[in-house]
Amino acid sequence: MLFHLSIAAQEPQHVAEVIAEFWRGEAHPFPPVTPGSWIALARDDRGTAIEVYPIDTVLREAEGDADSFGERTGQTRFTATHAAIATPLSQDEVLAIAAREGWPAKYRKRGGAFGVIELWIEGRQMVELLTQEMQAEYLAAMTPANYRAMMGAGAR
């Protein structure tokens, strides 16, 4: 079970606020890792959250008995990190928010098994949004047995 993850953005506050909007949640400053960070809270029973750090932040291990910390590096473009997140909004509502923000978004069917709205935050960070219908498809498709069958059939 995923409780939270972190991503980087050019405008952490704005990105956290939009993610919170997809969840009908809320966004707040999140300074423990590095100044300028924000957090989007889903307001669910699991404490689901996405931390949004300034674009060039990486996490580093701290020595001894200390927490890890954020370090600014100057790296600013694409990343392999992405998440699939549930939304109570409809596909039309998600696409309207994406259009308002100028963020590319489109419906995709992953492996012929479940739909997602592929959204590119700030045009560089992918997040897959799943409406209630898409969540049901995902849960039906992503069982260990179904996954083994897909891989056995040569699916990518």
C-alpha atoms as a PDB file:
ATOM      1  CA  MET A   1       0.000   0.000   0.000  1.00  0.00           C
ATOM      2  CA  LEU A   2       1.325   3.409  -0.918  1.00  0.00           C
ATOM      3  CA  PHE A   3       0.918   6.180   1.657  1.00  0.00           C
ATOM      4  CA  HIS A   4       2.851   8.969  -0.017  1.00  0.00           C
ATOM      5  CA  LEU A   5       5.426   9.714  -2.676  1.00  0.00           C
ATOM      6  CA  SER A   6       7.429  12.741  -3.698  1.00  0.00           C
ATOM      7  CA  ILE A   7       7.875  14.472  -7.029  1.00  0.00           C
ATOM      8  CA  ALA A   8       9.695  17.618  -8.118  1.00  0.00           C
ATOM      9  CA  ALA A   9       8.117  20.601  -9.883  1.00  0.00           C
ATOM     10  CA  GLN A  10       8.988  24.068 -11.093  1.00  0.00           C
ATOM     11  CA  GLU A  11       6.080  25.474  -9.061  1.00  0.00           C
ATOM     12  CA  PRO A  12       5.672  23.168  -6.032  1.00  0.00           C
ATOM     13  CA  GLN A  13       2.855  25.135  -4.414  1.00  0.00           C
ATOM     14  CA  HIS A  14       0.775  25.309  -7.581  1.00  0.00           C
ATOM     15  CA  VAL A  15       1.340  21.648  -8.457  1.00  0.00           C
ATOM     16  CA  ALA A  16       0.393  20.539  -4.926  1.00  0.00           C
ATOM     17  CA  GLU A  17      -2.766  22.652  -5.106  1.00  0.00           C
ATOM     18  CA  VAL A  18      -3.811  21.111  -8.440  1.00  0.00           C
ATOM     19  CA  ILE A  19      -3.101  17.548  -7.235  1.00  0.00           C
ATOM     20  CA  ALA A  20      -5.175  18.312  -4.128  1.00  0.00           C
ATOM     21  CA  GLU A  21      -7.956  19.514  -6.437  1.00  0.00           C
ATOM     22  CA  PHE A  22      -7.942  16.154  -8.276  1.00  0.00           C
ATOM     23  CA  TRP A  23      -8.532  14.508  -4.876  1.00  0.00           C
ATOM     24  CA  ARG A  24     -10.878  17.183  -3.495  1.00  0.00           C
ATOM     25  CA  GLY A  25      -8.193  17.436  -0.824  1.00  0.00           C
ATOM     26  CA  GLU A  26      -5.954  20.263   0.348  1.00  0.00           C
ATOM     27  CA  ALA A  27      -2.384  21.524  -0.023  1.00  0.00           C
ATOM     28  CA  HIS A  28       0.018  22.894   2.604  1.00  0.00           C
ATOM     29  CA  PRO A  29       3.642  24.024   2.872  1.00  0.00           C
ATOM     30  CA  PHE A  30       5.994  21.122   3.617  1.00  0.00           C
ATOM     31  CA  PRO A  31       9.345  22.507   4.809  1.00  0.00           C
ATOM     32  CA  PRO A  32      10.895  19.444   6.545  1.00  0.00           C
ATOM     33  CA  VAL A  33      12.804  18.271   3.445  1.00  0.00           C
ATOM     34  CA  THR A  34      13.780  21.509   1.749  1.00  0.00           C
ATOM     35  CA  PRO A  35      12.428  25.081   1.717  1.00  0.00           C
ATOM     36  CA  GLY A  36       9.770  25.709  -0.914  1.00  0.00           C
ATOM     37  CA  SER A  37       8.273  22.204  -0.712  1.00  0.00           C
ATOM     38  CA  TRP A  38       4.503  21.599  -0.554  1.00  0.00           C
ATOM     39  CA  ILE A  39       2.278  18.602   0.190  1.00  0.00           C
ATOM     40  CA  ALA A  40      -1.078  17.580  -1.322  1.00  0.00           C
ATOM     41  CA  LEU A  41      -3.323  15.677   1.101  1.00  0.00           C
ATOM     42  CA  ALA A  42      -6.122  13.480  -0.191  1.00  0.00           C
ATOM     43  CA  ARG A  43      -8.245  13.659   2.982  1.00  0.00           C
ATOM     44  CA  ASP A  44      -8.771   9.898   2.861  1.00  0.00           C
ATOM     45  CA  ASP A  45      -8.612   7.271   5.594  1.00  0.00           C
ATOM     46  CA  ARG A  46      -5.017   6.318   4.683  1.00  0.00           C
ATOM     47  CA  GLY A  47      -3.282   9.685   4.875  1.00  0.00           C
ATOM     48  CA  THR A  48      -2.494   9.552   1.142  1.00  0.00           C
ATOM     49  CA  ALA A  49      -0.211  12.407   0.125  1.00  0.00           C
ATOM     50  CA  ILE A  50       2.146  13.632  -2.568  1.00  0.00           C
ATOM     51  CA  GLU A  51       5.082  15.786  -1.492  1.00  0.00           C
ATOM     52  CA  VAL A  52       6.153  18.295  -4.150  1.00  0.00           C
ATOM     53  CA  TYR A  53       9.738  19.557  -3.948  1.00  0.00           C
ATOM     54  CA  PRO A  54      11.470  22.298  -5.953  1.00  0.00           C
ATOM     55  CA  ILE A  55      12.441  21.020  -9.408  1.00  0.00           C
ATOM     56  CA  ASP A  56      16.141  20.450  -8.774  1.00  0.00           C
ATOM     57  CA  THR A  57      15.818  18.688  -5.408  1.00  0.00           C
ATOM     58  CA  VAL A  58      17.210  15.216  -4.835  1.00  0.00           C
ATOM     59  CA  LEU A  59      17.098  13.245  -1.604  1.00  0.00           C
ATOM     60  CA  ARG A  60      20.379  12.400   0.094  1.00  0.00           C
ATOM     61  CA  GLU A  61      21.181  10.019   2.915  1.00  0.00           C
ATOM     62  CA  ALA A  62      22.340  11.741   6.095  1.00  0.00           C
ATOM     63  CA  GLU A  63      25.184  10.327   8.126  1.00  0.00           C
ATOM     64  CA  GLY A  64      24.666   8.992  11.626  1.00  0.00           C
ATOM     65  CA  ASP A  65      21.402   9.439  13.478  1.00  0.00           C
ATOM     66  CA  ALA A  66      19.878  12.096  11.208  1.00  0.00           C
ATOM     67  CA  ASP A  67      17.026  12.237   8.714  1.00  0.00           C
ATOM     68  CA  SER A  68      17.640  12.274   4.981  1.00  0.00           C
ATOM     69  CA  PHE A  69      17.626  15.742   3.449  1.00  0.00           C
ATOM     70  CA  GLY A  70      16.878  17.525   0.212  1.00  0.00           C
ATOM     71  CA  GLU A  71      19.708  18.937  -1.847  1.00  0.00           C
ATOM     72  CA  ARG A  72      19.350  21.274  -4.835  1.00  0.00           C
ATOM     73  CA  THR A  73      21.297  20.005  -7.876  1.00  0.00           C
ATOM     74  CA  GLY A  74      20.318  22.052 -10.913  1.00  0.00           C
ATOM     75  CA  GLN A  75      18.793  18.998 -12.712  1.00  0.00           C
ATOM     76  CA  THR A  76      15.403  20.042 -14.052  1.00  0.00           C
ATOM     77  CA  ARG A  77      13.804  18.003 -16.837  1.00  0.00           C
ATOM     78  CA  PHE A  78      12.181  14.562 -17.091  1.00  0.00           C
ATOM     79  CA  THR A  79      12.064  11.738 -14.561  1.00  0.00           C
ATOM     80  CA  ALA A  80      11.121   8.065 -14.587  1.00  0.00           C
ATOM     81  CA  THR A  81       9.104   8.515 -11.401  1.00  0.00           C
ATOM     82  CA  HIS A  82       5.356   8.474 -11.882  1.00  0.00           C
ATOM     83  CA  ALA A  83       2.262   7.445  -9.977  1.00  0.00           C
ATOM     84  CA  ALA A  84      -1.214   6.207 -10.722  1.00  0.00           C
ATOM     85  CA  ILE A  85      -3.647   7.986  -8.420  1.00  0.00           C
ATOM     86  CA  ALA A  86      -7.371   7.674  -7.866  1.00  0.00           C
ATOM     87  CA  THR A  87      -9.665  10.638  -8.349  1.00  0.00           C
ATOM     88  CA  PRO A  88     -13.356  11.073  -7.510  1.00  0.00           C
ATOM     89  CA  LEU A  89     -13.621  13.413 -10.513  1.00  0.00           C
ATOM     90  CA  SER A  90     -14.957  12.402 -13.916  1.00  0.00           C
ATOM     91  CA  GLN A  91     -12.756  12.141 -16.989  1.00  0.00           C
ATOM     92  CA  ASP A  92     -14.249  15.394 -18.313  1.00  0.00           C
ATOM     93  CA  GLU A  93     -13.481  17.184 -15.033  1.00  0.00           C
ATOM     94  CA  VAL A  94      -9.860  15.953 -15.036  1.00  0.00           C
ATOM     95  CA  LEU A  95      -9.359  16.952 -18.671  1.00  0.00           C
ATOM     96  CA  ALA A  96     -10.880  20.380 -17.979  1.00  0.00           C
ATOM     97  CA  ILE A  97      -8.430  21.003 -15.133  1.00  0.00           C
ATOM     98  CA  ALA A  98      -5.530  19.820 -17.308  1.00  0.00           C
ATOM     99  CA  ALA A  99      -6.652  22.152 -20.119  1.00  0.00           C
ATOM    100  CA  ARG A 100      -6.952  25.061 -17.686  1.00  0.00           C
ATOM    101  CA  GLU A 101      -3.378  24.411 -16.508  1.00  0.00           C
ATOM    102  CA  GLY A 102      -2.017  23.899 -20.026  1.00  0.00           C
ATOM    103  CA  TRP A 103      -0.820  20.407 -19.046  1.00  0.00           C
ATOM    104  CA  PRO A 104      -0.997  17.687 -21.716  1.00  0.00           C
ATOM    105  CA  ALA A 105      -3.546  14.976 -20.859  1.00  0.00           C
ATOM    106  CA  LYS A 106      -5.223  12.161 -22.745  1.00  0.00           C
ATOM    107  CA  TYR A 107      -7.108   8.945 -22.142  1.00  0.00           C
ATOM    108  CA  ARG A 108      -5.040   5.786 -22.663  1.00  0.00           C
ATOM    109  CA  LYS A 109      -5.852   2.093 -22.300  1.00  0.00           C
ATOM    110  CA  ARG A 110      -2.891   0.354 -20.640  1.00  0.00           C
ATOM    111  CA  GLY A 111      -2.213  -3.080 -22.120  1.00  0.00           C
ATOM    112  CA  GLY A 112      -5.827  -3.306 -23.221  1.00  0.00           C
ATOM    113  CA  ALA A 113      -6.687  -3.935 -19.572  1.00  0.00           C
ATOM    114  CA  PHE A 114      -7.464  -0.647 -17.815  1.00  0.00           C
ATOM    115  CA  GLY A 115      -7.884   3.006 -18.677  1.00  0.00           C
ATOM    116  CA  VAL A 116      -5.943   5.948 -17.306  1.00  0.00           C
ATOM    117  CA  ILE A 117      -5.777   9.649 -17.969  1.00  0.00           C
ATOM    118  CA  GLU A 118      -2.129  10.251 -18.756  1.00  0.00           C
ATOM    119  CA  LEU A 119      -1.418  13.730 -17.388  1.00  0.00           C
ATOM    120  CA  TRP A 120       1.893  15.574 -17.732  1.00  0.00           C
ATOM    121  CA  ILE A 121       2.314  18.002 -14.808  1.00  0.00           C
ATOM    122  CA  GLU A 122       4.088  21.111 -16.089  1.00  0.00           C
ATOM    123  CA  GLY A 123       4.642  19.163 -19.321  1.00  0.00           C
ATOM    124  CA  ARG A 124       7.361  17.018 -17.700  1.00  0.00           C
ATOM    125  CA  GLN A 125       6.087  14.826 -14.836  1.00  0.00           C
ATOM    126  CA  MET A 126       3.660  12.032 -15.697  1.00  0.00           C
ATOM    127  CA  VAL A 127       0.810  11.097 -13.376  1.00  0.00           C
ATOM    128  CA  GLU A 128      -1.879   8.604 -14.315  1.00  0.00           C
ATOM    129  CA  LEU A 129      -5.292   9.598 -12.963  1.00  0.00           C
ATOM    130  CA  LEU A 130      -7.952   6.906 -12.576  1.00  0.00           C
ATOM    131  CA  THR A 131     -11.636   7.792 -12.356  1.00  0.00           C
ATOM    132  CA  GLN A 132     -13.909   5.466 -10.387  1.00  0.00           C
ATOM    133  CA  GLU A 133     -14.612   3.389 -13.508  1.00  0.00           C
ATOM    134  CA  MET A 134     -10.897   3.172 -14.331  1.00  0.00           C
ATOM    135  CA  GLN A 135     -10.130   2.163 -10.733  1.00  0.00           C
ATOM    136  CA  ALA A 136     -12.496  -0.796 -11.057  1.00  0.00           C
ATOM    137  CA  GLU A 137     -10.756  -1.851 -14.303  1.00  0.00           C
ATOM    138  CA  TYR A 138      -7.343  -1.507 -12.641  1.00  0.00           C
ATOM    139  CA  LEU A 139      -8.324  -3.573  -9.598  1.00  0.00           C
ATOM    140  CA  ALA A 140      -9.775  -6.294 -11.825  1.00  0.00           C
ATOM    141  CA  ALA A 141      -6.695  -6.384 -14.071  1.00  0.00           C
ATOM    142  CA  MET A 142      -3.795  -6.009 -11.642  1.00  0.00           C
ATOM    143  CA  THR A 143      -3.982  -9.248  -9.715  1.00  0.00           C
ATOM    144  CA  PRO A 144      -0.868 -11.426  -9.523  1.00  0.00           C
ATOM    145  CA  ALA A 145      -2.557 -14.148 -11.616  1.00  0.00           C
ATOM    146  CA  ASN A 146      -3.649 -11.709 -14.327  1.00  0.00           C
ATOM    147  CA  TYR A 147      -0.210 -10.089 -14.394  1.00  0.00           C
ATOM    148  CA  ARG A 148       1.509 -13.459 -14.788  1.00  0.00           C
ATOM    149  CA  ALA A 149      -0.892 -14.304 -17.632  1.00  0.00           C
ATOM    150  CA  MET A 150      -0.172 -10.971 -19.366  1.00  0.00           C
ATOM    151  CA  MET A 151       3.586 -11.501 -19.105  1.00  0.00           C
ATOM    152  CA  GLY A 152       3.239 -15.102 -20.251  1.00  0.00           C
ATOM    153  CA  ALA A 153       1.356 -13.888 -23.313  1.00  0.00           C
ATOM    154  CA  GLY A 154       4.265 -11.604 -24.193  1.00  0.00           C
ATOM    155  CA  ALA A 155       2.611  -8.306 -23.238  1.00  0.00           C
ATOM    156  CA  ARG A 156       4.922  -5.348 -22.827  1.00  0.00           C
END
